């Protein structure tokens, strides 16, 4: 790298040379972190510790075993994740697609890594609160007004993230999961607003992206049906959006790169928001 963007012919490399800051939007993966009761949780344990085996020259190594569901921590839903009346997106028979213990179509491995346009719609800021109340339903009007407030608009082929402020509760799993209080989330009319913009994925800082009513849990998932089944739009959950919101960053380049797990319904994700920075 020359350090001089004027000498670099590729515009993308020139932008990187000029300075790019990567903001991590993933929650840390730790034992005991919040996890939806619908999914197996995360567990990491050291399998070998330093000193368990020492080589002749004094060297030692450690390693671990990680057990996790595909929908744990910050993650993306593949189109195979949800069916309606036995059908996946595009009318694919769900039972036939999952024969053999892995999905032959619509698995997370089919999601192509991409660098795309991203926007943050800060609905908590729109309502002047640190976080939306449990069970609050985010409407299409909320999203439109948040976009107007930030002077941004989701773009075709891009990603739209919705800030509820709920990621600030991550350290308190019981409160974050909101079994009693409910959890704020997108309503069906807001989901329709999102797909009208032609985005490839939508995400939020909650466990389900859906409006979860107090005491009812994930009784139904209408937004998952609209996005995944009807429109082929991926969902990203458990995002960490506090830094973007605090800094008022509403538009950025978004790095989307799921693990290439063949036939899986979801994958852990470490999404990045790229913004102009200084070296």
C-alpha atoms as a PDB file:
ATOM      1  CA  UNK A   1       0.000   0.000   0.000  1.00  0.00           C
ATOM      2  CA  UNK A   2       1.445   3.349  -1.024  1.00  0.00           C
ATOM      3  CA  UNK A   3      -0.297   5.466   1.640  1.00  0.00           C
ATOM      4  CA  UNK A   4      -1.280   7.936  -1.088  1.00  0.00           C
ATOM      5  CA  UNK A   5      -4.841   7.451  -2.357  1.00  0.00           C
ATOM      6  CA  UNK A   6      -4.004   9.457  -5.529  1.00  0.00           C
ATOM      7  CA  UNK A   7      -1.705   6.641  -6.679  1.00  0.00           C
ATOM      8  CA  UNK A   8      -4.317   3.912  -6.333  1.00  0.00           C
ATOM      9  CA  UNK A   9      -6.473   3.312  -9.385  1.00  0.00           C
ATOM     10  CA  UNK A  10      -9.190   1.235  -7.731  1.00  0.00           C
ATOM     11  CA  UNK A  11     -11.745   3.586  -6.049  1.00  0.00           C
ATOM     12  CA  UNK A  12     -12.413   1.105  -3.230  1.00  0.00           C
ATOM     13  CA  UNK A  13      -8.724   0.724  -2.405  1.00  0.00           C
ATOM     14  CA  UNK A  14      -8.338   4.497  -2.611  1.00  0.00           C
ATOM     15  CA  UNK A  15     -11.132   4.929  -0.070  1.00  0.00           C
ATOM     16  CA  UNK A  16      -9.493   2.417   2.276  1.00  0.00           C
ATOM     17  CA  UNK A  17      -6.135   4.140   1.914  1.00  0.00           C
ATOM     18  CA  UNK A  18      -7.762   7.464   2.779  1.00  0.00           C
ATOM     19  CA  UNK A  19      -8.948   5.958   6.060  1.00  0.00           C
ATOM     20  CA  UNK A  20     -11.818   3.675   7.030  1.00  0.00           C
ATOM     21  CA  UNK A  21     -13.090   2.926  10.523  1.00  0.00           C
ATOM     22  CA  UNK A  22     -14.762  -0.418  11.210  1.00  0.00           C
ATOM     23  CA  UNK A  23     -17.444  -0.390  13.904  1.00  0.00           C
ATOM     24  CA  UNK A  24     -18.215  -3.831  15.301  1.00  0.00           C
ATOM     25  CA  UNK A  25     -21.975  -4.495  15.462  1.00  0.00           C
ATOM     26  CA  UNK A  26     -21.757  -7.959  17.049  1.00  0.00           C
ATOM     27  CA  UNK A  27     -22.446  -8.844  20.640  1.00  0.00           C
ATOM     28  CA  UNK A  28     -19.650 -10.808  22.364  1.00  0.00           C
ATOM     29  CA  UNK A  29     -20.116 -14.575  22.496  1.00  0.00           C
ATOM     30  CA  UNK A  30     -19.898 -15.640  26.141  1.00  0.00           C
ATOM     31  CA  UNK A  31     -21.239 -18.394  28.355  1.00  0.00           C
ATOM     32  CA  UNK A  32     -24.507 -17.293  29.939  1.00  0.00           C
ATOM     33  CA  UNK A  33     -25.337 -14.622  27.361  1.00  0.00           C
ATOM     34  CA  UNK A  34     -28.984 -14.010  26.377  1.00  0.00           C
ATOM     35  CA  UNK A  35     -30.457 -16.693  24.142  1.00  0.00           C
ATOM     36  CA  UNK A  36     -33.965 -17.239  22.853  1.00  0.00           C
ATOM     37  CA  UNK A  37     -35.632 -20.259  24.508  1.00  0.00           C
ATOM     38  CA  UNK A  38     -36.376 -21.534  20.991  1.00  0.00           C
ATOM     39  CA  UNK A  39     -32.676 -22.185  20.316  1.00  0.00           C
ATOM     40  CA  UNK A  40     -29.844 -24.168  21.899  1.00  0.00           C
ATOM     41  CA  UNK A  41     -27.458 -21.867  23.720  1.00  0.00           C
ATOM     42  CA  UNK A  42     -23.764 -21.083  23.511  1.00  0.00           C
ATOM     43  CA  UNK A  43     -21.091 -22.889  25.484  1.00  0.00           C
ATOM     44  CA  UNK A  44     -17.314 -22.629  25.281  1.00  0.00           C
ATOM     45  CA  UNK A  45     -14.911 -24.650  27.414  1.00  0.00           C
ATOM     46  CA  UNK A  46     -11.161 -25.144  27.210  1.00  0.00           C
ATOM     47  CA  UNK A  47     -10.422 -28.651  25.960  1.00  0.00           C
ATOM     48  CA  UNK A  48      -6.686 -28.367  26.455  1.00  0.00           C
ATOM     49  CA  UNK A  49      -4.960 -25.934  28.771  1.00  0.00           C
ATOM     50  CA  UNK A  50      -1.387 -24.710  28.743  1.00  0.00           C
ATOM     51  CA  UNK A  51       0.603 -27.193  30.763  1.00  0.00           C
ATOM     52  CA  UNK A  52      -1.635 -30.184  30.037  1.00  0.00           C
ATOM     53  CA  UNK A  53       0.934 -31.198  27.467  1.00  0.00           C
ATOM     54  CA  UNK A  54       4.384 -29.623  27.223  1.00  0.00           C
ATOM     55  CA  UNK A  55       6.640 -30.322  24.266  1.00  0.00           C
ATOM     56  CA  UNK A  56      10.309 -31.167  24.600  1.00  0.00           C
ATOM     57  CA  UNK A  57      11.304 -27.578  23.812  1.00  0.00           C
ATOM     58  CA  UNK A  58       8.968 -26.151  26.477  1.00  0.00           C
ATOM     59  CA  UNK A  59       6.187 -25.143  24.103  1.00  0.00           C
ATOM     60  CA  UNK A  60       2.545 -25.645  25.023  1.00  0.00           C
ATOM     61  CA  UNK A  61      -0.814 -24.998  23.349  1.00  0.00           C
ATOM     62  CA  UNK A  62      -4.406 -24.503  24.408  1.00  0.00           C
ATOM     63  CA  UNK A  63      -7.658 -25.038  22.533  1.00  0.00           C
ATOM     64  CA  UNK A  64     -11.389 -25.108  23.127  1.00  0.00           C
ATOM     65  CA  UNK A  65     -14.659 -26.773  22.268  1.00  0.00           C
ATOM     66  CA  UNK A  66     -17.511 -24.506  21.174  1.00  0.00           C
ATOM     67  CA  UNK A  67     -21.109 -25.711  21.102  1.00  0.00           C
ATOM     68  CA  UNK A  68     -23.715 -23.312  19.733  1.00  0.00           C
ATOM     69  CA  UNK A  69     -26.954 -23.069  17.852  1.00  0.00           C
ATOM     70  CA  UNK A  70     -27.041 -21.218  14.555  1.00  0.00           C
ATOM     71  CA  UNK A  71     -29.349 -18.528  15.974  1.00  0.00           C
ATOM     72  CA  UNK A  72     -27.303 -17.551  19.022  1.00  0.00           C
ATOM     73  CA  UNK A  73     -25.683 -14.165  19.607  1.00  0.00           C
ATOM     74  CA  UNK A  74     -25.526 -11.817  16.656  1.00  0.00           C
ATOM     75  CA  UNK A  75     -26.657 -13.965  13.740  1.00  0.00           C
ATOM     76  CA  UNK A  76     -28.444 -14.045  10.404  1.00  0.00           C
ATOM     77  CA  UNK A  77     -31.503 -16.091   9.453  1.00  0.00           C
ATOM     78  CA  UNK A  78     -31.310 -18.087   6.250  1.00  0.00           C
ATOM     79  CA  UNK A  79     -34.450 -18.475   4.151  1.00  0.00           C
ATOM     80  CA  UNK A  80     -34.682 -22.076   5.360  1.00  0.00           C
ATOM     81  CA  UNK A  81     -35.357 -20.866   8.904  1.00  0.00           C
ATOM     82  CA  UNK A  82     -39.132 -20.366   8.613  1.00  0.00           C
ATOM     83  CA  UNK A  83     -41.870 -22.036   6.596  1.00  0.00           C
ATOM     84  CA  UNK A  84     -45.545 -21.221   6.161  1.00  0.00           C
ATOM     85  CA  UNK A  85     -48.080 -23.971   5.507  1.00  0.00           C
ATOM     86  CA  UNK A  86     -45.178 -26.330   4.795  1.00  0.00           C
ATOM     87  CA  UNK A  87     -43.493 -24.093   2.221  1.00  0.00           C
ATOM     88  CA  UNK A  88     -40.256 -22.117   2.240  1.00  0.00           C
ATOM     89  CA  UNK A  89     -39.559 -19.030   0.135  1.00  0.00           C
ATOM     90  CA  UNK A  90     -40.417 -19.554  -3.522  1.00  0.00           C
ATOM     91  CA  UNK A  91     -42.858 -22.374  -2.792  1.00  0.00           C
ATOM     92  CA  UNK A  92     -40.148 -24.889  -1.869  1.00  0.00           C
ATOM     93  CA  UNK A  93     -41.465 -27.906   0.038  1.00  0.00           C
ATOM     94  CA  UNK A  94     -39.896 -27.594   3.499  1.00  0.00           C
ATOM     95  CA  UNK A  95     -40.069 -31.285   4.371  1.00  0.00           C
ATOM     96  CA  UNK A  96     -38.404 -32.356   1.130  1.00  0.00           C
ATOM     97  CA  UNK A  97     -35.737 -29.652   1.413  1.00  0.00           C
ATOM     98  CA  UNK A  98     -34.606 -30.809   4.861  1.00  0.00           C
ATOM     99  CA  UNK A  99     -34.334 -34.517   4.049  1.00  0.00           C
ATOM    100  CA  UNK A 100     -30.974 -35.878   5.167  1.00  0.00           C
ATOM    101  CA  UNK A 101     -30.469 -33.548   8.109  1.00  0.00           C
ATOM    102  CA  UNK A 102     -29.471 -30.398   6.199  1.00  0.00           C
ATOM    103  CA  UNK A 103     -31.279 -28.088   3.819  1.00  0.00           C
ATOM    104  CA  UNK A 104     -30.653 -28.740   0.151  1.00  0.00           C
ATOM    105  CA  UNK A 105     -31.822 -25.199  -0.694  1.00  0.00           C
ATOM    106  CA  UNK A 106     -32.089 -21.853   1.118  1.00  0.00           C
ATOM    107  CA  UNK A 107     -29.392 -22.767   3.660  1.00  0.00           C
ATOM    108  CA  UNK A 108     -27.155 -20.111   5.160  1.00  0.00           C
ATOM    109  CA  UNK A 109     -24.309 -21.186   2.894  1.00  0.00           C
ATOM    110  CA  UNK A 110     -26.295 -19.758  -0.015  1.00  0.00           C
ATOM    111  CA  UNK A 111     -25.991 -16.222   1.395  1.00  0.00           C
ATOM    112  CA  UNK A 112     -23.241 -14.534  -0.587  1.00  0.00           C
ATOM    113  CA  UNK A 113     -20.842 -12.320   1.392  1.00  0.00           C
ATOM    114  CA  UNK A 114     -21.282  -8.695   0.422  1.00  0.00           C
ATOM    115  CA  UNK A 115     -20.235  -5.130   1.061  1.00  0.00           C
ATOM    116  CA  UNK A 116     -23.339  -3.003   0.654  1.00  0.00           C
ATOM    117  CA  UNK A 117     -25.165   0.158   1.644  1.00  0.00           C
ATOM    118  CA  UNK A 118     -26.436   0.264   5.220  1.00  0.00           C
ATOM    119  CA  UNK A 119     -28.702   2.577   7.178  1.00  0.00           C
ATOM    120  CA  UNK A 120     -29.643   2.825  10.847  1.00  0.00           C
ATOM    121  CA  UNK A 121     -33.172   3.920  11.682  1.00  0.00           C
ATOM    122  CA  UNK A 122     -33.078   5.043  15.329  1.00  0.00           C
ATOM    123  CA  UNK A 123     -36.646   4.605  16.552  1.00  0.00           C
ATOM    124  CA  UNK A 124     -35.587   5.026  20.190  1.00  0.00           C
ATOM    125  CA  UNK A 125     -34.183   8.466  19.352  1.00  0.00           C
ATOM    126  CA  UNK A 126     -37.334   9.304  17.401  1.00  0.00           C
ATOM    127  CA  UNK A 127     -39.354   8.826  20.583  1.00  0.00           C
ATOM    128  CA  UNK A 128     -36.778  10.487  22.825  1.00  0.00           C
ATOM    129  CA  UNK A 129     -36.070   7.427  24.981  1.00  0.00           C
ATOM    130  CA  UNK A 130     -32.979   5.396  25.825  1.00  0.00           C
ATOM    131  CA  UNK A 131     -34.822   2.255  24.806  1.00  0.00           C
ATOM    132  CA  UNK A 132     -38.348   1.565  23.613  1.00  0.00           C
ATOM    133  CA  UNK A 133     -40.753   0.025  26.131  1.00  0.00           C
ATOM    134  CA  UNK A 134     -41.225  -3.731  26.185  1.00  0.00           C
ATOM    135  CA  UNK A 135     -43.831  -4.903  23.722  1.00  0.00           C
ATOM    136  CA  UNK A 136     -43.785  -1.700  21.681  1.00  0.00           C
ATOM    137  CA  UNK A 137     -44.791  -2.258  18.055  1.00  0.00           C
ATOM    138  CA  UNK A 138     -42.627  -0.368  15.563  1.00  0.00           C
ATOM    139  CA  UNK A 139     -44.862   0.813  12.731  1.00  0.00           C
ATOM    140  CA  UNK A 140     -44.191   1.777   9.137  1.00  0.00           C
ATOM    141  CA  UNK A 141     -44.780   5.368  10.210  1.00  0.00           C
ATOM    142  CA  UNK A 142     -42.057   5.029  12.856  1.00  0.00           C
ATOM    143  CA  UNK A 143     -39.571   3.814  10.256  1.00  0.00           C
ATOM    144  CA  UNK A 144     -40.497   6.505   7.750  1.00  0.00           C
ATOM    145  CA  UNK A 145     -40.185   9.250  10.369  1.00  0.00           C
ATOM    146  CA  UNK A 146     -36.859   7.864  11.644  1.00  0.00           C
ATOM    147  CA  UNK A 147     -35.558   7.841   8.063  1.00  0.00           C
ATOM    148  CA  UNK A 148     -36.728  11.405   7.581  1.00  0.00           C
ATOM    149  CA  UNK A 149     -35.140  12.488  10.863  1.00  0.00           C
ATOM    150  CA  UNK A 150     -31.791  10.959   9.858  1.00  0.00           C
ATOM    151  CA  UNK A 151     -32.108  12.033   6.204  1.00  0.00           C
ATOM    152  CA  UNK A 152     -31.415   8.541   4.943  1.00  0.00           C
ATOM    153  CA  UNK A 153     -33.341   5.975   2.948  1.00  0.00           C
ATOM    154  CA  UNK A 154     -32.832   2.188   2.662  1.00  0.00           C
ATOM    155  CA  UNK A 155     -31.499   1.286  -0.769  1.00  0.00           C
ATOM    156  CA  UNK A 156     -32.178  -1.670  -3.033  1.00  0.00           C
ATOM    157  CA  UNK A 157     -29.600  -4.367  -2.362  1.00  0.00           C
ATOM    158  CA  UNK A 158     -28.682  -2.823   0.988  1.00  0.00           C
ATOM    159  CA  UNK A 159     -29.329  -3.487   4.661  1.00  0.00           C
ATOM    160  CA  UNK A 160     -31.610  -1.613   7.077  1.00  0.00           C
ATOM    161  CA  UNK A 161     -30.966  -1.771  10.825  1.00  0.00           C
ATOM    162  CA  UNK A 162     -33.508  -0.675  13.442  1.00  0.00           C
ATOM    163  CA  UNK A 163     -32.353   0.660  16.803  1.00  0.00           C
ATOM    164  CA  UNK A 164     -34.710   0.078  19.729  1.00  0.00           C
ATOM    165  CA  UNK A 165     -32.056   0.755  22.379  1.00  0.00           C
ATOM    166  CA  UNK A 166     -32.591  -2.785  23.639  1.00  0.00           C
ATOM    167  CA  UNK A 167     -28.932  -3.783  23.173  1.00  0.00           C
ATOM    168  CA  UNK A 168     -28.177  -1.650  26.227  1.00  0.00           C
ATOM    169  CA  UNK A 169     -29.889  -4.367  28.291  1.00  0.00           C
ATOM    170  CA  UNK A 170     -27.655  -7.172  26.977  1.00  0.00           C
ATOM    171  CA  UNK A 171     -25.820  -7.597  30.292  1.00  0.00           C
ATOM    172  CA  UNK A 172     -29.138  -8.450  32.021  1.00  0.00           C
ATOM    173  CA  UNK A 173     -30.347 -11.553  30.101  1.00  0.00           C
ATOM    174  CA  UNK A 174     -33.702 -11.839  31.853  1.00  0.00           C
ATOM    175  CA  UNK A 175     -34.598  -8.222  31.183  1.00  0.00           C
ATOM    176  CA  UNK A 176     -33.204  -8.307  27.647  1.00  0.00           C
ATOM    177  CA  UNK A 177     -35.254 -11.367  26.668  1.00  0.00           C
ATOM    178  CA  UNK A 178     -38.350  -9.699  28.121  1.00  0.00           C
ATOM    179  CA  UNK A 179     -40.393 -12.765  29.005  1.00  0.00           C
ATOM    180  CA  UNK A 180     -42.614 -10.707  31.299  1.00  0.00           C
ATOM    181  CA  UNK A 181     -42.237  -7.205  29.847  1.00  0.00           C
ATOM    182  CA  UNK A 182     -42.324  -8.079  26.167  1.00  0.00           C
ATOM    183  CA  UNK A 183     -39.784  -6.820  23.640  1.00  0.00           C
ATOM    184  CA  UNK A 184     -40.121  -3.991  21.117  1.00  0.00           C
ATOM    185  CA  UNK A 185     -40.084  -5.000  17.494  1.00  0.00           C
ATOM    186  CA  UNK A 186     -41.227  -4.459  13.955  1.00  0.00           C
ATOM    187  CA  UNK A 187     -44.912  -4.939  13.112  1.00  0.00           C
ATOM    188  CA  UNK A 188     -46.210  -6.435   9.855  1.00  0.00           C
ATOM    189  CA  UNK A 189     -46.892  -3.042   8.256  1.00  0.00           C
ATOM    190  CA  UNK A 190     -43.325  -1.975   9.070  1.00  0.00           C
ATOM    191  CA  UNK A 191     -42.044  -5.210   7.524  1.00  0.00           C
ATOM    192  CA  UNK A 192     -43.942  -4.364   4.336  1.00  0.00           C
ATOM    193  CA  UNK A 193     -42.357  -0.894   4.385  1.00  0.00           C
ATOM    194  CA  UNK A 194     -38.923  -2.503   4.581  1.00  0.00           C
ATOM    195  CA  UNK A 195     -39.415  -4.922   1.688  1.00  0.00           C
ATOM    196  CA  UNK A 196     -40.770  -2.119  -0.505  1.00  0.00           C
ATOM    197  CA  UNK A 197     -37.248  -0.677  -0.454  1.00  0.00           C
ATOM    198  CA  UNK A 198     -35.730  -3.848  -1.913  1.00  0.00           C
ATOM    199  CA  UNK A 199     -33.250  -4.484   0.878  1.00  0.00           C
ATOM    200  CA  UNK A 200     -31.499  -7.864   1.192  1.00  0.00           C
ATOM    201  CA  UNK A 201     -31.580  -7.947   4.994  1.00  0.00           C
ATOM    202  CA  UNK A 202     -33.103  -6.146   7.958  1.00  0.00           C
ATOM    203  CA  UNK A 203     -31.822  -6.285  11.510  1.00  0.00           C
ATOM    204  CA  UNK A 204     -32.373  -5.065  15.042  1.00  0.00           C
ATOM    205  CA  UNK A 205     -30.868  -5.123  18.520  1.00  0.00           C
ATOM    206  CA  UNK A 206     -33.390  -7.625  19.911  1.00  0.00           C
ATOM    207  CA  UNK A 207     -33.802 -11.384  20.025  1.00  0.00           C
ATOM    208  CA  UNK A 208     -36.600 -11.809  17.503  1.00  0.00           C
ATOM    209  CA  UNK A 209     -36.941  -8.666  15.322  1.00  0.00           C
ATOM    210  CA  UNK A 210     -40.666  -9.108  15.994  1.00  0.00           C
ATOM    211  CA  UNK A 211     -42.952  -7.255  18.390  1.00  0.00           C
ATOM    212  CA  UNK A 212     -43.110  -9.616  21.382  1.00  0.00           C
ATOM    213  CA  UNK A 213     -46.102  -8.976  23.616  1.00  0.00           C
ATOM    214  CA  UNK A 214     -45.750  -9.215  27.419  1.00  0.00           C
ATOM    215  CA  UNK A 215     -46.151 -12.750  28.705  1.00  0.00           C
ATOM    216  CA  UNK A 216     -46.795 -14.255  25.269  1.00  0.00           C
ATOM    217  CA  UNK A 217     -43.312 -14.955  23.995  1.00  0.00           C
ATOM    218  CA  UNK A 218     -42.890 -15.898  20.337  1.00  0.00           C
ATOM    219  CA  UNK A 219     -46.511 -17.010  19.922  1.00  0.00           C
ATOM    220  CA  UNK A 220     -46.504 -16.117  16.230  1.00  0.00           C
ATOM    221  CA  UNK A 221     -43.844 -14.712  13.878  1.00  0.00           C
ATOM    222  CA  UNK A 222     -45.670 -12.695  11.205  1.00  0.00           C
ATOM    223  CA  UNK A 223     -42.649 -10.548  10.359  1.00  0.00           C
ATOM    224  CA  UNK A 224     -40.478 -13.619   9.811  1.00  0.00           C
ATOM    225  CA  UNK A 225     -43.148 -14.927   7.455  1.00  0.00           C
ATOM    226  CA  UNK A 226     -43.295 -11.656   5.505  1.00  0.00           C
ATOM    227  CA  UNK A 227     -39.541 -11.205   5.228  1.00  0.00           C
ATOM    228  CA  UNK A 228     -38.170 -14.742   4.941  1.00  0.00           C
ATOM    229  CA  UNK A 229     -40.982 -16.694   3.305  1.00  0.00           C
ATOM    230  CA  UNK A 230     -42.840 -14.158   1.188  1.00  0.00           C
ATOM    231  CA  UNK A 231     -40.029 -11.822   0.108  1.00  0.00           C
ATOM    232  CA  UNK A 232     -36.713 -13.651   0.609  1.00  0.00           C
ATOM    233  CA  UNK A 233     -35.317 -10.926   2.885  1.00  0.00           C
ATOM    234  CA  UNK A 234     -32.880 -12.085   5.563  1.00  0.00           C
ATOM    235  CA  UNK A 235     -33.152 -11.104   9.231  1.00  0.00           C
ATOM    236  CA  UNK A 236     -30.251 -10.178  11.524  1.00  0.00           C
ATOM    237  CA  UNK A 237     -30.853 -10.336  15.290  1.00  0.00           C
ATOM    238  CA  UNK A 238     -29.027  -9.527  18.540  1.00  0.00           C
ATOM    239  CA  UNK A 239     -27.143  -6.609  16.965  1.00  0.00           C
ATOM    240  CA  UNK A 240     -25.095  -4.204  19.064  1.00  0.00           C
ATOM    241  CA  UNK A 241     -26.195  -0.787  17.817  1.00  0.00           C
ATOM    242  CA  UNK A 242     -25.361   1.452  20.768  1.00  0.00           C
ATOM    243  CA  UNK A 243     -22.193   2.968  19.300  1.00  0.00           C
ATOM    244  CA  UNK A 244     -23.765   3.788  15.943  1.00  0.00           C
ATOM    245  CA  UNK A 245     -26.746   5.383  17.689  1.00  0.00           C
ATOM    246  CA  UNK A 246     -24.631   7.331  20.212  1.00  0.00           C
ATOM    247  CA  UNK A 247     -22.467   8.761  17.439  1.00  0.00           C
ATOM    248  CA  UNK A 248     -25.434   9.600  15.227  1.00  0.00           C
ATOM    249  CA  UNK A 249     -24.157   7.442  12.359  1.00  0.00           C
ATOM    250  CA  UNK A 250     -27.134   6.702  10.143  1.00  0.00           C
ATOM    251  CA  UNK A 251     -25.466   5.688   6.865  1.00  0.00           C
ATOM    252  CA  UNK A 252     -22.457   3.455   6.283  1.00  0.00           C
ATOM    253  CA  UNK A 253     -20.997   0.629   4.255  1.00  0.00           C
ATOM    254  CA  UNK A 254     -22.088  -2.709   5.696  1.00  0.00           C
ATOM    255  CA  UNK A 255     -20.020  -5.905   5.721  1.00  0.00           C
ATOM    256  CA  UNK A 256     -22.165  -9.048   5.671  1.00  0.00           C
ATOM    257  CA  UNK A 257     -20.289 -12.367   5.834  1.00  0.00           C
ATOM    258  CA  UNK A 258     -22.022 -15.380   7.409  1.00  0.00           C
ATOM    259  CA  UNK A 259     -20.165 -18.624   8.036  1.00  0.00           C
ATOM    260  CA  UNK A 260     -20.472 -20.982   5.083  1.00  0.00           C
ATOM    261  CA  UNK A 261     -22.313 -23.724   6.975  1.00  0.00           C
ATOM    262  CA  UNK A 262     -23.850 -25.914   4.296  1.00  0.00           C
ATOM    263  CA  UNK A 263     -27.540 -26.598   4.848  1.00  0.00           C
ATOM    264  CA  UNK A 264     -27.885 -24.613   8.105  1.00  0.00           C
ATOM    265  CA  UNK A 265     -30.798 -22.316   8.919  1.00  0.00           C
ATOM    266  CA  UNK A 266     -28.653 -19.582  10.465  1.00  0.00           C
ATOM    267  CA  UNK A 267     -25.125 -18.488  11.240  1.00  0.00           C
ATOM    268  CA  UNK A 268     -23.248 -16.436  13.803  1.00  0.00           C
ATOM    269  CA  UNK A 269     -22.298 -13.099  12.294  1.00  0.00           C
ATOM    270  CA  UNK A 270     -19.805 -10.338  13.041  1.00  0.00           C
ATOM    271  CA  UNK A 271     -21.177  -7.483  10.932  1.00  0.00           C
ATOM    272  CA  UNK A 272     -19.167  -4.308  10.479  1.00  0.00           C
ATOM    273  CA  UNK A 273     -20.243  -0.759   9.727  1.00  0.00           C
ATOM    274  CA  UNK A 274     -17.539   1.003   7.715  1.00  0.00           C
ATOM    275  CA  UNK A 275     -17.311   4.786   7.945  1.00  0.00           C
ATOM    276  CA  UNK A 276     -14.731   7.354   6.893  1.00  0.00           C
ATOM    277  CA  UNK A 277     -11.939   7.552   9.431  1.00  0.00           C
ATOM    278  CA  UNK A 278      -8.399   8.811   9.844  1.00  0.00           C
ATOM    279  CA  UNK A 279      -5.186   6.866   9.875  1.00  0.00           C
END
